[in-house]
């Protein structure tokens, strides 16, 4: 790989999910990308800036020396940073995990008041270090975060101020239908939703709320490039126990809707 074009081609095919994906990353059409790959044009500062967000080693890109991707070792600061770049991989910025003095993972807690900052600082070691962190018995052998639930869009499953304990998801294709996740997204911020995975068929994630009162919480549809991080909700901590009447009322409402629907079908058949 003697030219920048050769190295860009290698990055696209081997590290970033294909040349079409590389064109998307650089926010250009494939014919324009070919100008760089064939050596007719040299990447400018805008191209370099966009690639740096995906942990591309800019020294390697320009000179061919070193590794294509950055590798950081910050363990001396009680921080572990892992580089992950794959097709449909959500977090292409460094994943930051705090550890205690014995080397065991802490679980960083992201309160509601810190979620706006987390959207900008999820890969910032200094920001992550300032967040509270805790150990939870039995929650280990993975990368975890805790998020405080904001609003009542997931009522009655989750209530405001509940704490969800989540495990990091490395690939959008691993998302399971009808499960609850925390999504850190470019346009929607930090949201807690029940997901339907249509990545392979339509390159979309459908984010649903459990609260079905009126049209207050319509589905949110996200593209892969809108997503910074996704966390699978493993458990939650609540300040208030759910009343059985909440679930019973919901069941009664569903049965009523089904009954009315059947009645409407009968009328149409007559």
C-alpha atoms as a PDB file:
ATOM      1  CA  UNK A   1       0.000   0.000   0.000  1.00  0.00           C
ATOM      2  CA  UNK A   2       2.247   2.724  -1.304  1.00  0.00           C
ATOM      3  CA  UNK A   3      -0.368   5.457  -1.717  1.00  0.00           C
ATOM      4  CA  UNK A   4      -3.000   7.131   0.416  1.00  0.00           C
ATOM      5  CA  UNK A   5      -5.598   5.819  -2.021  1.00  0.00           C
ATOM      6  CA  UNK A   6      -4.439   2.237  -1.423  1.00  0.00           C
ATOM      7  CA  UNK A   7      -4.627   2.749   2.320  1.00  0.00           C
ATOM      8  CA  UNK A   8      -8.107   4.280   2.090  1.00  0.00           C
ATOM      9  CA  UNK A   9      -9.232   1.290   0.029  1.00  0.00           C
ATOM     10  CA  UNK A  10      -7.811  -1.068   2.670  1.00  0.00           C
ATOM     11  CA  UNK A  11      -9.560   0.833   5.477  1.00  0.00           C
ATOM     12  CA  UNK A  12     -12.881   0.701   3.685  1.00  0.00           C
ATOM     13  CA  UNK A  13     -12.772  -2.990   2.797  1.00  0.00           C
ATOM     14  CA  UNK A  14     -11.044  -4.430   5.861  1.00  0.00           C
ATOM     15  CA  UNK A  15     -11.866  -2.123   8.774  1.00  0.00           C
ATOM     16  CA  UNK A  16     -14.940   0.001   8.099  1.00  0.00           C
ATOM     17  CA  UNK A  17     -17.418  -2.395   6.506  1.00  0.00           C
ATOM     18  CA  UNK A  18     -16.872  -1.746   2.790  1.00  0.00           C
ATOM     19  CA  UNK A  19     -16.268   1.114   0.391  1.00  0.00           C
ATOM     20  CA  UNK A  20     -19.931   2.154   0.443  1.00  0.00           C
ATOM     21  CA  UNK A  21     -19.716   2.502   4.219  1.00  0.00           C
ATOM     22  CA  UNK A  22     -16.489   4.482   3.846  1.00  0.00           C
ATOM     23  CA  UNK A  23     -18.258   6.856   1.459  1.00  0.00           C
ATOM     24  CA  UNK A  24     -21.027   7.289   4.041  1.00  0.00           C
ATOM     25  CA  UNK A  25     -18.463   8.013   6.759  1.00  0.00           C
ATOM     26  CA  UNK A  26     -16.820  10.645   4.572  1.00  0.00           C
ATOM     27  CA  UNK A  27     -20.269  12.005   3.596  1.00  0.00           C
ATOM     28  CA  UNK A  28     -19.609  11.694  -0.140  1.00  0.00           C
ATOM     29  CA  UNK A  29     -20.946   9.728  -3.074  1.00  0.00           C
ATOM     30  CA  UNK A  30     -18.999   6.635  -4.255  1.00  0.00           C
ATOM     31  CA  UNK A  31     -17.819   8.315  -7.505  1.00  0.00           C
ATOM     32  CA  UNK A  32     -16.253  11.118  -5.446  1.00  0.00           C
ATOM     33  CA  UNK A  33     -14.574   8.549  -3.197  1.00  0.00           C
ATOM     34  CA  UNK A  34     -13.044   6.930  -6.269  1.00  0.00           C
ATOM     35  CA  UNK A  35     -11.162  10.168  -6.930  1.00  0.00           C
ATOM     36  CA  UNK A  36      -9.263   9.560  -3.675  1.00  0.00           C
ATOM     37  CA  UNK A  37      -8.857   5.812  -4.186  1.00  0.00           C
ATOM     38  CA  UNK A  38      -7.402   6.290  -7.685  1.00  0.00           C
ATOM     39  CA  UNK A  39      -5.040   9.046  -6.570  1.00  0.00           C
ATOM     40  CA  UNK A  40      -6.659  11.786  -8.626  1.00  0.00           C
ATOM     41  CA  UNK A  41      -7.345  13.795  -5.453  1.00  0.00           C
ATOM     42  CA  UNK A  42      -5.685  13.890  -2.036  1.00  0.00           C
ATOM     43  CA  UNK A  43      -7.743  13.884   1.183  1.00  0.00           C
ATOM     44  CA  UNK A  44      -8.204  17.273   2.775  1.00  0.00           C
ATOM     45  CA  UNK A  45      -8.598  18.252   6.407  1.00  0.00           C
ATOM     46  CA  UNK A  46     -12.317  17.384   6.369  1.00  0.00           C
ATOM     47  CA  UNK A  47     -11.587  13.778   5.359  1.00  0.00           C
ATOM     48  CA  UNK A  48      -8.865  13.425   7.973  1.00  0.00           C
ATOM     49  CA  UNK A  49     -11.153  14.813  10.691  1.00  0.00           C
ATOM     50  CA  UNK A  50     -13.958  12.372   9.858  1.00  0.00           C
ATOM     51  CA  UNK A  51     -11.608   9.372   9.823  1.00  0.00           C
ATOM     52  CA  UNK A  52     -10.077  10.371  13.154  1.00  0.00           C
ATOM     53  CA  UNK A  53     -13.480   9.873  14.795  1.00  0.00           C
ATOM     54  CA  UNK A  54     -13.237   6.193  13.807  1.00  0.00           C
ATOM     55  CA  UNK A  55      -9.834   5.748  15.476  1.00  0.00           C
ATOM     56  CA  UNK A  56      -7.937   5.682  12.201  1.00  0.00           C
ATOM     57  CA  UNK A  57      -4.200   6.184  12.765  1.00  0.00           C
ATOM     58  CA  UNK A  58      -3.631   9.359  10.733  1.00  0.00           C
ATOM     59  CA  UNK A  59       0.155   8.837  10.759  1.00  0.00           C
ATOM     60  CA  UNK A  60      -0.397   5.452   9.089  1.00  0.00           C
ATOM     61  CA  UNK A  61      -2.849   6.987   6.602  1.00  0.00           C
ATOM     62  CA  UNK A  62      -0.359   9.627   5.503  1.00  0.00           C
ATOM     63  CA  UNK A  63       2.904   7.647   5.677  1.00  0.00           C
ATOM     64  CA  UNK A  64       2.005   3.947   5.778  1.00  0.00           C
ATOM     65  CA  UNK A  65       3.956   3.542   9.034  1.00  0.00           C
ATOM     66  CA  UNK A  66       2.472   1.908  12.132  1.00  0.00           C
ATOM     67  CA  UNK A  67      -0.930   0.285  12.536  1.00  0.00           C
ATOM     68  CA  UNK A  68      -4.079   1.339  10.653  1.00  0.00           C
ATOM     69  CA  UNK A  69      -6.008   1.791  13.905  1.00  0.00           C
ATOM     70  CA  UNK A  70      -5.041   3.472  17.135  1.00  0.00           C
ATOM     71  CA  UNK A  71      -4.345   1.384  20.230  1.00  0.00           C
ATOM     72  CA  UNK A  72      -4.420   3.196  23.534  1.00  0.00           C
ATOM     73  CA  UNK A  73      -3.253   1.891  26.888  1.00  0.00           C
ATOM     74  CA  UNK A  74      -4.508   4.021  29.754  1.00  0.00           C
ATOM     75  CA  UNK A  75      -4.483   1.391  32.483  1.00  0.00           C
ATOM     76  CA  UNK A  76      -2.070   3.501  34.506  1.00  0.00           C
ATOM     77  CA  UNK A  77      -4.990   5.903  34.992  1.00  0.00           C
ATOM     78  CA  UNK A  78      -7.404   3.125  35.985  1.00  0.00           C
ATOM     79  CA  UNK A  79      -9.026   3.419  32.571  1.00  0.00           C
ATOM     80  CA  UNK A  80      -9.365   0.729  29.934  1.00  0.00           C
ATOM     81  CA  UNK A  81      -9.963   1.797  26.334  1.00  0.00           C
ATOM     82  CA  UNK A  82     -10.856  -0.765  23.703  1.00  0.00           C
ATOM     83  CA  UNK A  83     -10.939  -0.063  19.958  1.00  0.00           C
ATOM     84  CA  UNK A  84     -13.862  -1.596  18.130  1.00  0.00           C
ATOM     85  CA  UNK A  85     -14.483  -1.014  14.445  1.00  0.00           C
ATOM     86  CA  UNK A  86     -16.733  -3.462  12.599  1.00  0.00           C
ATOM     87  CA  UNK A  87     -19.751  -3.251  10.258  1.00  0.00           C
ATOM     88  CA  UNK A  88     -22.815  -2.199  12.279  1.00  0.00           C
ATOM     89  CA  UNK A  89     -20.599  -1.711  15.306  1.00  0.00           C
ATOM     90  CA  UNK A  90     -22.203   1.019  17.363  1.00  0.00           C
ATOM     91  CA  UNK A  91     -19.326   2.535  19.280  1.00  0.00           C
ATOM     92  CA  UNK A  92     -16.447   3.395  17.021  1.00  0.00           C
ATOM     93  CA  UNK A  93     -15.059   5.857  19.529  1.00  0.00           C
ATOM     94  CA  UNK A  94     -13.056   4.364  22.429  1.00  0.00           C
ATOM     95  CA  UNK A  95     -15.135   2.503  24.987  1.00  0.00           C
ATOM     96  CA  UNK A  96     -14.133   3.766  28.423  1.00  0.00           C
ATOM     97  CA  UNK A  97     -14.448   1.537  31.475  1.00  0.00           C
ATOM     98  CA  UNK A  98     -13.369   2.499  34.987  1.00  0.00           C
ATOM     99  CA  UNK A  99     -11.706  -0.030  37.256  1.00  0.00           C
ATOM    100  CA  UNK A 100     -10.967  -0.038  40.973  1.00  0.00           C
ATOM    101  CA  UNK A 101      -7.502  -0.356  42.484  1.00  0.00           C
ATOM    102  CA  UNK A 102      -7.717  -4.161  42.419  1.00  0.00           C
ATOM    103  CA  UNK A 103      -8.438  -4.118  38.670  1.00  0.00           C
ATOM    104  CA  UNK A 104     -12.119  -5.069  38.949  1.00  0.00           C
ATOM    105  CA  UNK A 105     -14.625  -3.254  36.785  1.00  0.00           C
ATOM    106  CA  UNK A 106     -16.774  -0.586  38.361  1.00  0.00           C
ATOM    107  CA  UNK A 107     -20.188   0.176  36.904  1.00  0.00           C
ATOM    108  CA  UNK A 108     -20.403   3.815  35.894  1.00  0.00           C
ATOM    109  CA  UNK A 109     -23.690   5.472  36.778  1.00  0.00           C
ATOM    110  CA  UNK A 110     -25.137   8.105  34.423  1.00  0.00           C
ATOM    111  CA  UNK A 111     -27.763  10.208  36.272  1.00  0.00           C
ATOM    112  CA  UNK A 112     -30.400  12.126  34.323  1.00  0.00           C
ATOM    113  CA  UNK A 113     -28.633  15.422  34.980  1.00  0.00           C
ATOM    114  CA  UNK A 114     -25.427  14.039  33.390  1.00  0.00           C
ATOM    115  CA  UNK A 115     -27.018  12.500  30.296  1.00  0.00           C
ATOM    116  CA  UNK A 116     -26.668  15.580  28.094  1.00  0.00           C
ATOM    117  CA  UNK A 117     -22.987  15.676  28.975  1.00  0.00           C
ATOM    118  CA  UNK A 118     -22.674  11.921  28.422  1.00  0.00           C
ATOM    119  CA  UNK A 119     -23.904  12.351  24.862  1.00  0.00           C
ATOM    120  CA  UNK A 120     -20.792  14.450  24.207  1.00  0.00           C
ATOM    121  CA  UNK A 121     -18.408  12.740  26.596  1.00  0.00           C
ATOM    122  CA  UNK A 122     -19.111   8.995  26.375  1.00  0.00           C
ATOM    123  CA  UNK A 123     -15.590   8.467  25.016  1.00  0.00           C
ATOM    124  CA  UNK A 124     -13.920  11.116  27.182  1.00  0.00           C
ATOM    125  CA  UNK A 125     -11.894   9.545  29.980  1.00  0.00           C
ATOM    126  CA  UNK A 126     -11.948  12.694  32.100  1.00  0.00           C
ATOM    127  CA  UNK A 127     -15.736  12.970  31.873  1.00  0.00           C
ATOM    128  CA  UNK A 128     -16.286   9.280  32.686  1.00  0.00           C
ATOM    129  CA  UNK A 129     -14.000   9.482  35.721  1.00  0.00           C
ATOM    130  CA  UNK A 130     -16.166  12.246  37.187  1.00  0.00           C
ATOM    131  CA  UNK A 131     -19.325  10.118  37.090  1.00  0.00           C
ATOM    132  CA  UNK A 132     -20.251   8.024  40.150  1.00  0.00           C
ATOM    133  CA  UNK A 133     -19.412   4.327  39.923  1.00  0.00           C
ATOM    134  CA  UNK A 134     -20.471   1.299  41.943  1.00  0.00           C
ATOM    135  CA  UNK A 135     -19.991  -2.430  42.339  1.00  0.00           C
ATOM    136  CA  UNK A 136     -23.051  -4.695  42.148  1.00  0.00           C
ATOM    137  CA  UNK A 137     -22.746  -8.292  43.371  1.00  0.00           C
ATOM    138  CA  UNK A 138     -23.093 -10.804  40.552  1.00  0.00           C
ATOM    139  CA  UNK A 139     -22.759  -8.223  37.781  1.00  0.00           C
ATOM    140  CA  UNK A 140     -19.425  -8.979  36.169  1.00  0.00           C
ATOM    141  CA  UNK A 141     -17.730 -10.589  33.161  1.00  0.00           C
ATOM    142  CA  UNK A 142     -18.825  -7.809  30.830  1.00  0.00           C
ATOM    143  CA  UNK A 143     -18.883  -4.091  30.240  1.00  0.00           C
ATOM    144  CA  UNK A 144     -21.710  -2.436  32.144  1.00  0.00           C
ATOM    145  CA  UNK A 145     -23.294   0.987  32.661  1.00  0.00           C
ATOM    146  CA  UNK A 146     -26.147   2.220  34.821  1.00  0.00           C
ATOM    147  CA  UNK A 147     -28.563   4.853  33.557  1.00  0.00           C
ATOM    148  CA  UNK A 148     -31.256   6.715  35.446  1.00  0.00           C
ATOM    149  CA  UNK A 149     -34.625   6.552  33.689  1.00  0.00           C
ATOM    150  CA  UNK A 150     -36.019   9.909  32.591  1.00  0.00           C
ATOM    151  CA  UNK A 151     -39.741  10.497  32.054  1.00  0.00           C
ATOM    152  CA  UNK A 152     -42.556   7.968  31.937  1.00  0.00           C
ATOM    153  CA  UNK A 153     -42.342   6.710  28.337  1.00  0.00           C
ATOM    154  CA  UNK A 154     -41.578   3.187  29.615  1.00  0.00           C
ATOM    155  CA  UNK A 155     -44.311   3.179  32.271  1.00  0.00           C
ATOM    156  CA  UNK A 156     -45.442   0.830  33.746  1.00  0.00           C
ATOM    157  CA  UNK A 157     -42.336  -1.320  33.109  1.00  0.00           C
ATOM    158  CA  UNK A 158     -39.936   1.395  34.250  1.00  0.00           C
ATOM    159  CA  UNK A 159     -40.677   4.544  36.186  1.00  0.00           C
ATOM    160  CA  UNK A 160     -38.888   7.893  36.434  1.00  0.00           C
ATOM    161  CA  UNK A 161     -35.739   7.667  38.598  1.00  0.00           C
ATOM    162  CA  UNK A 162     -35.494   3.874  38.218  1.00  0.00           C
ATOM    163  CA  UNK A 163     -31.943   2.731  37.550  1.00  0.00           C
ATOM    164  CA  UNK A 164     -31.307   0.288  34.690  1.00  0.00           C
ATOM    165  CA  UNK A 165     -28.167  -1.853  34.780  1.00  0.00           C
ATOM    166  CA  UNK A 166     -27.021  -2.510  31.240  1.00  0.00           C
ATOM    167  CA  UNK A 167     -24.439  -4.522  29.329  1.00  0.00           C
ATOM    168  CA  UNK A 168     -22.666  -3.020  26.321  1.00  0.00           C
ATOM    169  CA  UNK A 169     -23.744  -4.333  22.910  1.00  0.00           C
ATOM    170  CA  UNK A 170     -20.906  -4.626  20.441  1.00  0.00           C
ATOM    171  CA  UNK A 171     -22.908  -5.090  17.252  1.00  0.00           C
ATOM    172  CA  UNK A 172     -26.334  -3.904  16.134  1.00  0.00           C
ATOM    173  CA  UNK A 173     -27.028  -7.319  14.632  1.00  0.00           C
ATOM    174  CA  UNK A 174     -26.999  -8.776  18.164  1.00  0.00           C
ATOM    175  CA  UNK A 175     -30.023  -6.735  19.257  1.00  0.00           C
ATOM    176  CA  UNK A 176     -32.970  -8.961  20.131  1.00  0.00           C
ATOM    177  CA  UNK A 177     -36.556  -8.024  19.302  1.00  0.00           C
ATOM    178  CA  UNK A 178     -38.894  -6.881  22.076  1.00  0.00           C
ATOM    179  CA  UNK A 179     -36.095  -6.363  24.612  1.00  0.00           C
ATOM    180  CA  UNK A 180     -35.312  -3.120  26.429  1.00  0.00           C
ATOM    181  CA  UNK A 181     -32.131  -1.201  25.606  1.00  0.00           C
ATOM    182  CA  UNK A 182     -30.545   2.146  26.371  1.00  0.00           C
ATOM    183  CA  UNK A 183     -29.585   3.937  23.173  1.00  0.00           C
ATOM    184  CA  UNK A 184     -27.108   6.801  23.116  1.00  0.00           C
ATOM    185  CA  UNK A 185     -28.020   8.499  19.867  1.00  0.00           C
ATOM    186  CA  UNK A 186     -26.860  11.551  18.005  1.00  0.00           C
ATOM    187  CA  UNK A 187     -30.333  13.041  17.488  1.00  0.00           C
ATOM    188  CA  UNK A 188     -32.489  11.608  20.295  1.00  0.00           C
ATOM    189  CA  UNK A 189     -29.972  11.728  23.152  1.00  0.00           C
ATOM    190  CA  UNK A 190     -30.021   8.992  25.808  1.00  0.00           C
ATOM    191  CA  UNK A 191     -33.275   7.032  25.515  1.00  0.00           C
ATOM    192  CA  UNK A 192     -34.634   3.822  27.034  1.00  0.00           C
ATOM    193  CA  UNK A 193     -36.805   1.864  24.602  1.00  0.00           C
ATOM    194  CA  UNK A 194     -38.057  -1.574  23.612  1.00  0.00           C
ATOM    195  CA  UNK A 195     -36.437  -2.370  20.271  1.00  0.00           C
ATOM    196  CA  UNK A 196     -37.383  -4.107  17.056  1.00  0.00           C
ATOM    197  CA  UNK A 197     -34.265  -4.986  15.038  1.00  0.00           C
ATOM    198  CA  UNK A 198     -34.551  -4.419  11.301  1.00  0.00           C
ATOM    199  CA  UNK A 199     -30.868  -3.725  10.680  1.00  0.00           C
ATOM    200  CA  UNK A 200     -30.216  -6.534   8.198  1.00  0.00           C
ATOM    201  CA  UNK A 201     -33.412  -6.037   6.198  1.00  0.00           C
ATOM    202  CA  UNK A 202     -33.876  -2.254   6.271  1.00  0.00           C
ATOM    203  CA  UNK A 203     -30.894  -0.825   8.213  1.00  0.00           C
ATOM    204  CA  UNK A 204     -33.309   0.513  10.826  1.00  0.00           C
ATOM    205  CA  UNK A 205     -33.939   0.149  14.537  1.00  0.00           C
ATOM    206  CA  UNK A 206     -37.513   0.718  15.690  1.00  0.00           C
ATOM    207  CA  UNK A 207     -37.656   2.108  19.232  1.00  0.00           C
ATOM    208  CA  UNK A 208     -40.980   1.629  21.000  1.00  0.00           C
ATOM    209  CA  UNK A 209     -42.285   2.891  24.331  1.00  0.00           C
ATOM    210  CA  UNK A 210     -44.205   0.709  26.765  1.00  0.00           C
ATOM    211  CA  UNK A 211     -46.440   3.648  27.655  1.00  0.00           C
ATOM    212  CA  UNK A 212     -49.271   3.472  25.123  1.00  0.00           C
ATOM    213  CA  UNK A 213     -51.427   6.293  26.465  1.00  0.00           C
ATOM    214  CA  UNK A 214     -52.558   8.348  23.487  1.00  0.00           C
ATOM    215  CA  UNK A 215     -49.948   9.371  20.937  1.00  0.00           C
ATOM    216  CA  UNK A 216     -47.503  10.906  23.389  1.00  0.00           C
ATOM    217  CA  UNK A 217     -44.722   8.430  22.646  1.00  0.00           C
ATOM    218  CA  UNK A 218     -44.686   7.455  18.960  1.00  0.00           C
ATOM    219  CA  UNK A 219     -42.045   4.988  17.708  1.00  0.00           C
ATOM    220  CA  UNK A 220     -38.599   6.382  16.983  1.00  0.00           C
ATOM    221  CA  UNK A 221     -36.764   5.007  13.935  1.00  0.00           C
ATOM    222  CA  UNK A 222     -32.961   5.182  13.977  1.00  0.00           C
ATOM    223  CA  UNK A 223     -30.320   4.581  11.325  1.00  0.00           C
ATOM    224  CA  UNK A 224     -27.003   2.944  12.330  1.00  0.00           C
ATOM    225  CA  UNK A 225     -25.050   6.164  11.809  1.00  0.00           C
ATOM    226  CA  UNK A 226     -27.216   7.938  14.404  1.00  0.00           C
ATOM    227  CA  UNK A 227     -26.157   5.555  17.173  1.00  0.00           C
ATOM    228  CA  UNK A 228     -23.142   6.065  19.433  1.00  0.00           C
ATOM    229  CA  UNK A 229     -23.754   3.322  21.982  1.00  0.00           C
ATOM    230  CA  UNK A 230     -26.332   0.650  22.779  1.00  0.00           C
ATOM    231  CA  UNK A 231     -26.711  -1.051  26.171  1.00  0.00           C
ATOM    232  CA  UNK A 232     -28.879  -4.096  26.861  1.00  0.00           C
ATOM    233  CA  UNK A 233     -30.920  -3.715  30.052  1.00  0.00           C
ATOM    234  CA  UNK A 234     -30.107  -6.703  32.288  1.00  0.00           C
ATOM    235  CA  UNK A 235     -31.840  -5.589  35.472  1.00  0.00           C
ATOM    236  CA  UNK A 236     -33.236  -2.501  37.157  1.00  0.00           C
ATOM    237  CA  UNK A 237     -33.300  -0.904  40.569  1.00  0.00           C
ATOM    238  CA  UNK A 238     -36.538   0.797  41.555  1.00  0.00           C
ATOM    239  CA  UNK A 239     -37.538   3.117  44.379  1.00  0.00           C
ATOM    240  CA  UNK A 240     -41.136   1.964  44.078  1.00  0.00           C
ATOM    241  CA  UNK A 241     -42.662  -1.477  43.671  1.00  0.00           C
ATOM    242  CA  UNK A 242     -45.116  -2.037  40.848  1.00  0.00           C
ATOM    243  CA  UNK A 243     -48.699  -2.446  41.950  1.00  0.00           C
ATOM    244  CA  UNK A 244     -50.415  -5.554  40.551  1.00  0.00           C
ATOM    245  CA  UNK A 245     -53.274  -3.301  39.517  1.00  0.00           C
ATOM    246  CA  UNK A 246     -51.019  -1.608  36.954  1.00  0.00           C
ATOM    247  CA  UNK A 247     -50.469  -4.859  35.087  1.00  0.00           C
ATOM    248  CA  UNK A 248     -54.046  -6.007  35.590  1.00  0.00           C
ATOM    249  CA  UNK A 249     -55.404  -2.773  34.154  1.00  0.00           C
ATOM    250  CA  UNK A 250     -53.134  -3.112  31.175  1.00  0.00           C
ATOM    251  CA  UNK A 251     -54.293  -6.689  30.549  1.00  0.00           C
ATOM    252  CA  UNK A 252     -57.935  -5.661  30.822  1.00  0.00           C
ATOM    253  CA  UNK A 253     -57.323  -2.858  28.329  1.00  0.00           C
ATOM    254  CA  UNK A 254     -55.701  -5.247  25.828  1.00  0.00           C
ATOM    255  CA  UNK A 255     -58.556  -7.754  26.176  1.00  0.00           C
ATOM    256  CA  UNK A 256     -61.080  -4.967  25.643  1.00  0.00           C
ATOM    257  CA  UNK A 257     -59.342  -3.837  22.465  1.00  0.00           C
ATOM    258  CA  UNK A 258     -59.252  -7.399  21.119  1.00  0.00           C
ATOM    259  CA  UNK A 259     -62.958  -7.834  21.897  1.00  0.00           C
ATOM    260  CA  UNK A 260     -63.874  -4.625  20.084  1.00  0.00           C
ATOM    261  CA  UNK A 261     -61.706  -5.602  17.125  1.00  0.00           C
ATOM    262  CA  UNK A 262     -63.440  -8.966  16.845  1.00  0.00           C
ATOM    263  CA  UNK A 263     -66.816  -7.235  16.978  1.00  0.00           C
ATOM    264  CA  UNK A 264     -65.789  -4.886  14.191  1.00  0.00           C
ATOM    265  CA  UNK A 265     -64.663  -7.808  12.014  1.00  0.00           C
ATOM    266  CA  UNK A 266     -68.025  -9.526  12.539  1.00  0.00           C
ATOM    267  CA  UNK A 267     -69.861  -6.397  11.436  1.00  0.00           C
ATOM    268  CA  UNK A 268     -67.781  -6.121   8.271  1.00  0.00           C
ATOM    269  CA  UNK A 269     -68.525  -9.745   7.376  1.00  0.00           C
ATOM    270  CA  UNK A 270     -72.299  -9.184   7.561  1.00  0.00           C
END
